[in-house]
Every structure is written in structure tokens, then in C-alpha cells.
Amino acid sequence: MEKERLLAALAVAFIICLMAGPVVIPMLKVLKFGQNIRGEGPKAHLKKAGTPTMGGMIFLAGIVASTLLVVERPVSLEAAMLVIFMVGFSLIGFLDDFIKIVKRRSLGLRAYQKLLAQMALALVFAWVAVRFLGRGTDINIPFTSSSIQLGGWYYPFAVVVVLATANAVNFTDGLDGLAAGSVFFSSIAYAAIGTLAVTQGQFFHDQDLTVFALAVAGGCLGFLRFNYHPARVFMGDTGSLALGGALASLTILTKTELLWVLIGGVYVAEMLSVVIQVISFQTTGKRVFKMSPLHHHFELSGWSEKKVVFSFWLTSLLLGVLGVFSYTSTLR
């Protein structure tokens, strides 16, 4: 029965996305919520201008509905926090998209506004995780059964983890299907970790975290029906920040804050490529990459968009498997 419930979490989110896509995409077109393509980006992307964006609402609906329908009753605080946190990050992204598209302000929300909102959500989530969900203020060391006690320093540490995770996924959303496919594999890895944790009696509510992770996977899979090349809709910040928030919440609740560097290696590489590019250009006037984030570097090196996407998907899959293997070493 438990296996059927977990499969239902993935299937329900997947089916809702398939049903929502044909309804939401025409609405986005009517509202003229079309993607603006940066002139400094790859020239091949200019033809994507006008493609409906803010499509993250499609899988957001599927993930939320699936999670709340499948988790055991009454809905646990753990499940509620996972959903609320993801929706909170999606709202930040929605405001950013809305300002850019409807208000015609190219940069959307100011950087400090986005960061402050994300920090507030991260602090609340970390506090609830420690105070009410028993996650503690220690961090596990990958490939070992050891941990480090941070005490009060855990909260700023958790904020950094959340901000890095959410915005790294946001950087990854630059090619058709890239972010959705990569997050699919990462969320499957977290579903496996959640199941392992339950078998060890580490979490209070059986499989709620796994249900949520599989709902995220199902939502991403369903969204790929419309987002795979050539994309009929883009997720926008509405979707990429939601997925980043979802992975961040799974990272905090599974106590894999350091292991995320491995499981989320694709997103880490994307984020680091931007940081390295900016620092290099500002200090030396030279660029390390042809263009950042990293996926654009491979595009401008002659790789087709599909080749880049499939390569990143495969990398995400392999890193997820390695992450799950590493997690087994931390079980006491």
C-alpha cells in the first residue's frame, strides 16, 4: 500500500500538469505574458522571444495538489511547511516575472528585495525545522557518520544554503527543459533519501517528505511535455524559484546541507560559472567562459541545445545516484 501511495504522488502531479498545460498556456498567450530575450544572449535564442512564460504555475498546481491529496491525514506540519515554502518562493518569482513582463521593467524586483524576501522565508523555515521538526542545529559530514554542531550559527548557515540552492536552480533555467529535467532527477534522489531516513526512524511523519519529493518529480516530468525543445512555454522565475525552494527545503529537512553540493552539482556549476565570470571580468577584464551560466558556454562552443540539455540531465542523474550512495554512509 505504501508503494502505491508513493507512486500516486508522482502520477497525480504528472497528470495534473498534463491537464493544466493546455489550459494555462493559451491563457498566458492571451495575457501576452511572453518571454523577453536578452540581446546579449546567444543569437539562436532570439527566435524564442514571445514564448509564454510564468508557466511554473502549471507544475506548481500539480505539486501542491498531489502532496496535499496523497499525504496522510491530518496533514503534518512537515508536509505543510514543504508546500508553503515552495509556494512562498514561487510568489517571489511571480512578482519578479510580473514586474518584468507587465510593468515592462527589465530587471523585475530589485536584487535586495528578492534576497530579503528569500532570507525571511529561509529563517522561518530553518527555525520551524529546528524548533518543531526536530532537525537540530548540527550538519552531517558527507561519506561519514560524523556531524558538526553549529548551535545558533546554523541559522545563517541554513539561509546561505537556501539562497544558494534557489538561485542556482534559477541560473540553470536557460535552455528548453534543462531545469525541469535536472530537478526531476534531483528530486528522485531526495525521494530515495527520504525513504532511507524513514527506515532509520529519523523523521516524525512516515513518507511525507518522500511524497513531496515525488510530487516535485511528477510535476517536472509533466511540465517537460510542454517545455521540452522546442518549448511551448517557459517556467519563468515563478517556476525556477519554486523548484529551487523545493530542493532547498528537502535539503534542510534531510540534513544534507553539505551533500547538496554533490546532488546539486549541476546547479552549483551553473552558479559558480556566473560568480567566476563576474569576478574575472571585473578584476582582469577577461572572461573565463564564452558566456555564463555554464550551459551558454557549451552552446557557444558548438554544442546543440539538445546535446547540452541531455548532458546536464545525465550529469544530474549520476550525481543524484552518488548522493544517495553517500547518504547511506551517514546513517547511524
Protein backbone atom coordinates (compact mmCIF):
# COMPACT_ATOMS: atom_id res chain seq x y z
CA MET A 1 0.00 0.00 0.00
CA GLU A 2 2.86 2.36 0.83
CA LYS A 3 4.42 1.88 -2.61
CA GLU A 4 1.11 2.63 -4.29
CA ARG A 5 0.81 5.86 -2.29
CA LEU A 6 4.29 6.98 -3.32
CA LEU A 7 3.65 6.18 -6.97
CA ALA A 8 0.37 8.10 -6.69
CA ALA A 9 2.26 11.21 -5.58
CA LEU A 10 4.30 11.20 -8.79
CA ALA A 11 1.40 10.17 -11.02
CA VAL A 12 -1.13 12.71 -9.68
CA ALA A 13 1.30 15.63 -10.13
CA PHE A 14 2.18 14.38 -13.62
CA ILE A 15 -1.46 14.04 -14.71
CA ILE A 16 -2.50 17.42 -13.29
CA CYS A 17 0.33 19.07 -15.23
CA LEU A 18 -0.76 17.37 -18.45
CA MET A 19 -4.30 18.63 -17.85
CA ALA A 20 -3.28 22.14 -16.77
CA GLY A 21 -0.87 22.84 -19.63
CA PRO A 22 -3.46 23.13 -22.43
CA VAL A 23 -5.48 25.49 -20.23
CA VAL A 24 -2.72 27.69 -18.81
CA ILE A 25 -0.59 28.15 -21.95
CA PRO A 26 -3.39 29.74 -24.05
CA MET A 27 -4.23 31.99 -21.09
CA LEU A 28 -0.62 33.19 -20.91
CA LYS A 29 -0.73 33.92 -24.64
CA VAL A 30 -3.96 35.92 -24.31
CA LEU A 31 -2.46 37.90 -21.42
CA LYS A 32 0.67 38.49 -23.58
CA PHE A 33 2.95 37.06 -20.91
CA GLY A 34 5.71 36.47 -23.46
CA GLN A 35 9.40 35.92 -22.72
CA ASN A 36 11.79 38.79 -23.37
CA ILE A 37 15.10 37.52 -24.77
CA ARG A 38 18.27 39.38 -23.75
CA GLY A 39 20.11 40.87 -26.70
CA GLU A 40 23.46 39.86 -25.20
CA GLY A 41 22.43 36.18 -25.02
CA PRO A 42 23.04 33.55 -27.72
CA LYS A 43 21.61 34.79 -31.02
CA ALA A 44 19.88 31.44 -31.59
CA HIS A 45 17.60 32.26 -28.65
CA LEU A 46 16.13 35.36 -30.27
CA LYS A 47 13.57 33.20 -32.08
CA LYS A 48 12.19 32.20 -28.67
CA ALA A 49 11.02 35.76 -27.99
CA GLY A 50 7.31 35.88 -27.20
CA THR A 51 7.09 32.27 -25.97
CA PRO A 52 4.71 32.29 -22.96
CA THR A 53 6.47 32.41 -19.62
CA MET A 54 5.39 32.12 -15.98
CA GLY A 55 4.46 28.53 -16.86
CA GLY A 56 5.75 27.38 -13.49
CA MET A 57 2.14 27.74 -12.36
CA ILE A 58 1.44 24.53 -14.28
CA PHE A 59 3.65 22.26 -12.20
CA LEU A 60 3.15 24.28 -9.02
CA ALA A 61 -0.54 23.38 -9.11
CA GLY A 62 0.31 19.72 -9.71
CA ILE A 63 2.87 19.52 -6.91
CA VAL A 64 0.69 21.24 -4.32
CA ALA A 65 -2.43 19.24 -5.18
CA SER A 66 -0.59 15.93 -5.31
CA THR A 67 1.18 16.50 -1.98
CA LEU A 68 -1.96 17.52 -0.12
CA LEU A 69 -4.03 14.72 -1.64
CA VAL A 70 -1.55 11.91 -1.02
CA VAL A 71 0.00 12.66 2.40
CA GLU A 72 -1.60 11.02 5.40
CA ARG A 73 -4.34 12.83 7.31
CA PRO A 74 -4.18 15.05 9.21
CA VAL A 75 -1.66 16.95 7.09
CA SER A 76 1.56 17.12 9.09
CA LEU A 77 3.49 20.30 9.84
CA GLU A 78 6.35 18.84 7.79
CA ALA A 79 4.21 18.49 4.66
CA ALA A 80 2.59 21.88 5.20
CA MET A 81 5.96 23.62 5.56
CA LEU A 82 7.31 21.99 2.40
CA VAL A 83 4.33 23.25 0.40
CA ILE A 84 4.24 26.71 1.98
CA PHE A 85 7.97 27.24 1.49
CA MET A 86 7.82 26.28 -2.19
CA VAL A 87 4.78 28.47 -2.81
CA GLY A 88 6.49 31.36 -0.99
CA PHE A 89 9.48 31.19 -3.30
CA SER A 90 7.16 30.88 -6.29
CA LEU A 91 5.37 34.09 -5.24
CA ILE A 92 8.71 35.93 -5.17
CA GLY A 93 9.38 34.67 -8.68
CA PHE A 94 5.85 35.57 -9.79
CA LEU A 95 6.29 39.15 -8.63
CA ASP A 96 9.62 39.32 -10.45
CA ASP A 97 8.08 37.96 -13.67
CA PHE A 98 5.03 40.21 -13.35
CA ILE A 99 7.10 43.35 -12.99
CA LYS A 100 9.35 42.42 -15.91
CA ILE A 101 6.56 41.46 -18.29
CA VAL A 102 3.53 43.52 -17.30
CA LYS A 103 5.23 46.58 -15.86
CA ARG A 104 7.90 46.48 -18.58
CA ARG A 105 10.75 46.87 -16.08
CA SER A 106 13.53 44.69 -17.47
CA LEU A 107 15.15 43.79 -14.13
CA GLY A 108 11.93 42.96 -12.25
CA LEU A 109 12.29 43.05 -8.47
CA ARG A 110 15.42 44.72 -7.15
CA ALA A 111 18.11 42.25 -6.13
CA TYR A 112 17.93 43.31 -2.48
CA GLN A 113 14.14 42.86 -2.47
CA LYS A 114 14.40 39.29 -3.73
CA LEU A 115 17.21 38.45 -1.32
CA LEU A 116 15.44 39.92 1.71
CA ALA A 117 12.24 38.01 0.94
CA GLN A 118 14.18 34.78 0.42
CA MET A 119 16.16 35.30 3.63
CA ALA A 120 12.97 35.85 5.64
CA LEU A 121 11.42 32.64 4.30
CA ALA A 122 14.64 30.71 4.90
CA LEU A 123 14.94 31.89 8.51
CA VAL A 124 11.35 30.94 9.31
CA PHE A 125 11.74 27.54 7.67
CA ALA A 126 15.02 26.79 9.47
CA TRP A 127 13.52 27.86 12.82
CA VAL A 128 10.47 25.61 12.35
CA ALA A 129 12.70 22.72 11.24
CA VAL A 130 14.82 23.02 14.38
CA ARG A 131 12.16 24.02 16.91
CA PHE A 132 9.22 21.84 15.85
CA LEU A 133 10.50 19.19 13.43
CA GLY A 134 13.48 18.05 15.48
CA ARG A 135 16.09 18.56 12.79
CA GLY A 136 18.68 20.03 15.17
CA THR A 137 21.46 22.54 14.53
CA ASP A 138 24.12 20.05 13.51
CA ILE A 139 25.28 19.35 9.96
CA ASN A 140 26.25 15.93 8.67
CA ILE A 141 29.62 15.35 7.01
CA PRO A 142 29.23 13.52 3.67
CA PHE A 143 30.66 10.00 3.38
CA THR A 144 30.98 9.75 7.17
CA SER A 145 28.74 9.24 10.19
CA SER A 146 30.15 12.39 11.80
CA SER A 147 28.49 15.75 12.26
CA ILE A 148 29.39 19.27 13.35
CA GLN A 149 27.30 21.15 15.91
CA LEU A 150 26.76 24.77 14.81
CA GLY A 151 24.35 25.91 17.50
CA GLY A 152 22.98 29.36 16.73
CA TRP A 153 25.26 29.66 13.72
CA TYR A 154 23.11 27.04 11.99
CA TYR A 155 20.50 29.67 11.10
CA PRO A 156 22.74 31.93 8.95
CA PHE A 157 24.26 28.76 7.51
CA ALA A 158 20.79 27.49 6.53
CA VAL A 159 19.97 30.86 4.95
CA VAL A 160 23.09 30.65 2.79
CA VAL A 161 22.20 27.09 1.75
CA VAL A 162 18.65 28.09 0.83
CA LEU A 163 19.67 31.20 -1.11
CA ALA A 164 22.42 29.32 -2.95
CA THR A 165 20.11 26.43 -3.85
CA ALA A 166 17.16 28.51 -5.00
CA ASN A 167 19.18 30.93 -7.09
CA ALA A 168 21.43 28.22 -8.55
CA VAL A 169 18.33 26.47 -9.92
CA ASN A 170 17.21 29.85 -11.25
CA PHE A 171 20.51 30.19 -13.15
CA THR A 172 20.03 26.70 -14.59
CA ASP A 173 16.71 27.65 -16.21
CA GLY A 174 18.14 28.88 -19.50
CA LEU A 175 17.50 26.14 -22.08
CA ASP A 176 14.37 24.23 -23.05
CA GLY A 177 13.80 21.51 -20.47
CA LEU A 178 17.15 21.98 -18.72
CA ALA A 179 15.94 22.97 -15.25
CA ALA A 180 12.82 20.77 -15.23
CA GLY A 181 14.76 17.66 -16.27
CA SER A 182 17.63 18.26 -13.89
CA VAL A 183 15.30 18.87 -10.93
CA PHE A 184 13.39 15.70 -11.85
CA PHE A 185 16.50 13.61 -11.20
CA SER A 186 17.48 15.58 -8.08
CA SER A 187 14.03 15.20 -6.55
CA ILE A 188 14.08 11.44 -7.26
CA ALA A 189 17.37 11.33 -5.32
CA TYR A 190 15.76 13.17 -2.40
CA ALA A 191 12.80 10.79 -2.52
CA ALA A 192 15.25 7.91 -2.09
CA ILE A 193 16.99 9.73 0.76
CA GLY A 194 13.66 10.45 2.43
CA THR A 195 12.72 6.77 2.28
CA LEU A 196 16.09 5.75 3.72
CA ALA A 197 15.67 8.26 6.54
CA VAL A 198 12.22 6.90 7.42
CA THR A 199 13.55 3.34 7.62
CA GLN A 200 16.09 4.63 10.15
CA GLY A 201 13.37 6.35 12.18
CA GLN A 202 14.93 9.77 11.63
CA PHE A 203 11.77 11.68 10.70
CA PHE A 204 8.48 12.02 12.54
CA HIS A 205 5.98 11.59 9.72
CA ASP A 206 6.25 8.50 7.55
CA GLN A 207 7.00 9.29 3.92
CA ASP A 208 5.61 12.86 3.87
CA LEU A 209 8.95 14.17 2.65
CA THR A 210 9.18 11.38 0.07
CA VAL A 211 5.65 12.13 -1.14
CA PHE A 212 6.58 15.77 -1.67
CA ALA A 213 9.82 14.90 -3.48
CA LEU A 214 7.98 12.53 -5.82
CA ALA A 215 5.28 15.15 -6.42
CA VAL A 216 8.05 17.56 -7.48
CA ALA A 217 9.43 14.87 -9.79
CA GLY A 218 5.99 14.24 -11.29
CA GLY A 219 5.41 17.95 -11.77
CA CYS A 220 8.72 18.38 -13.58
CA LEU A 221 8.03 15.36 -15.78
CA GLY A 222 4.59 16.65 -16.72
CA PHE A 223 5.93 20.13 -17.43
CA LEU A 224 8.52 18.68 -19.82
CA ARG A 225 5.61 17.76 -22.10
CA PHE A 226 5.34 21.47 -22.85
CA ASN A 227 8.84 22.72 -22.02
CA TYR A 228 11.00 20.25 -23.97
CA HIS A 229 12.65 21.64 -27.10
CA PRO A 230 11.10 23.46 -28.86
CA ALA A 231 9.43 24.78 -25.74
CA ARG A 232 5.80 25.87 -25.90
CA VAL A 233 6.12 27.56 -22.51
CA PHE A 234 8.86 28.66 -20.11
CA MET A 235 8.63 28.28 -16.34
CA GLY A 236 9.93 31.79 -15.60
CA ASP A 237 11.13 32.79 -12.16
CA THR A 238 7.67 31.72 -10.99
CA GLY A 239 8.76 28.16 -11.62
CA SER A 240 12.54 28.17 -11.22
CA LEU A 241 12.44 29.77 -7.77
CA ALA A 242 9.64 27.37 -6.76
CA LEU A 243 11.78 24.38 -7.76
CA GLY A 244 14.82 25.93 -6.09
CA GLY A 245 12.81 26.46 -2.93
CA ALA A 246 11.53 22.88 -3.08
CA LEU A 247 15.05 21.44 -3.34
CA ALA A 248 16.28 23.78 -0.59
CA SER A 249 13.52 22.63 1.78
CA LEU A 250 14.33 18.98 1.03
CA THR A 251 17.99 19.71 1.70
CA ILE A 252 17.27 21.24 5.11
CA LEU A 253 14.82 18.56 6.24
CA THR A 254 17.02 15.65 5.16
CA LYS A 255 20.05 17.22 6.86
CA THR A 256 22.03 17.07 3.60
CA GLU A 257 23.16 20.69 3.53
CA LEU A 258 26.75 19.75 2.59
CA LEU A 259 25.78 16.77 0.45
CA TRP A 260 23.72 19.16 -1.71
CA VAL A 261 26.99 20.26 -3.33
CA LEU A 262 27.15 16.74 -4.82
CA ILE A 263 23.47 16.07 -5.50
CA GLY A 264 23.01 19.57 -6.91
CA GLY A 265 26.36 19.63 -8.68
CA VAL A 266 24.78 20.83 -11.92
CA TYR A 267 23.27 23.87 -10.21
CA VAL A 268 26.49 24.51 -8.26
CA ALA A 269 28.47 24.53 -11.51
CA GLU A 270 25.98 26.92 -13.11
CA MET A 271 26.14 29.30 -10.15
CA LEU A 272 29.93 29.16 -9.87
CA SER A 273 30.32 29.88 -13.57
CA VAL A 274 28.43 33.14 -13.08
CA VAL A 275 30.45 34.09 -9.99
CA ILE A 276 33.78 33.25 -11.66
CA GLN A 277 32.83 35.13 -14.82
CA VAL A 278 31.86 38.27 -12.93
CA ILE A 279 34.95 38.26 -10.68
CA SER A 280 37.30 37.57 -13.60
CA PHE A 281 35.84 40.30 -15.80
CA GLN A 282 35.78 42.90 -13.02
CA THR A 283 39.35 42.18 -11.88
CA THR A 284 41.13 41.37 -15.14
CA GLY A 285 38.76 42.47 -17.90
CA LYS A 286 38.84 38.91 -19.27
CA ARG A 287 36.14 36.25 -19.40
CA VAL A 288 36.80 32.66 -18.34
CA PHE A 289 33.76 31.33 -20.21
CA LYS A 290 32.40 32.28 -23.60
CA MET A 291 29.20 33.15 -21.73
CA SER A 292 27.70 32.34 -18.35
CA PRO A 293 25.82 30.49 -16.96
CA LEU A 294 27.74 27.39 -17.97
CA HIS A 295 25.13 25.99 -20.37
CA HIS A 296 25.61 29.02 -22.64
CA HIS A 297 29.36 28.37 -22.73
CA PHE A 298 28.74 24.93 -24.23
CA GLU A 299 26.20 26.36 -26.68
CA LEU A 300 28.70 28.92 -27.96
CA SER A 301 31.33 26.16 -28.14
CA GLY A 302 29.24 24.49 -30.84
CA TRP A 303 27.04 22.10 -28.84
CA SER A 304 23.41 21.88 -29.91
CA GLU A 305 20.80 22.87 -27.32
CA LYS A 306 19.59 19.28 -27.07
CA LYS A 307 23.13 17.97 -26.52
CA VAL A 308 23.71 20.44 -23.68
CA VAL A 309 20.39 19.57 -22.06
CA PHE A 310 20.87 15.80 -22.29
CA SER A 311 24.43 16.07 -20.97
CA PHE A 312 23.27 18.10 -17.97
CA TRP A 313 20.39 15.68 -17.36
CA LEU A 314 22.77 12.72 -17.37
CA THR A 315 25.12 14.55 -15.01
CA SER A 316 22.23 15.31 -12.66
CA LEU A 317 21.20 11.64 -12.71
CA LEU A 318 24.72 10.39 -11.94
CA LEU A 319 25.25 12.95 -9.18
CA GLY A 320 21.90 12.00 -7.66
CA VAL A 321 22.92 8.33 -7.54
CA LEU A 322 26.25 9.25 -5.96
CA GLY A 323 24.44 11.46 -3.46
CA VAL A 324 22.12 8.66 -2.37
CA PHE A 325 25.10 6.31 -2.04
CA SER A 326 26.91 8.90 0.08
CA TYR A 327 23.85 9.39 2.29
CA THR A 328 23.88 5.72 3.25
CA SER A 329 27.32 6.34 4.79
CA THR A 330 25.88 8.99 7.14
CA LEU A 331 23.20 6.72 8.60
CA ARG A 332 23.97 5.85 12.19
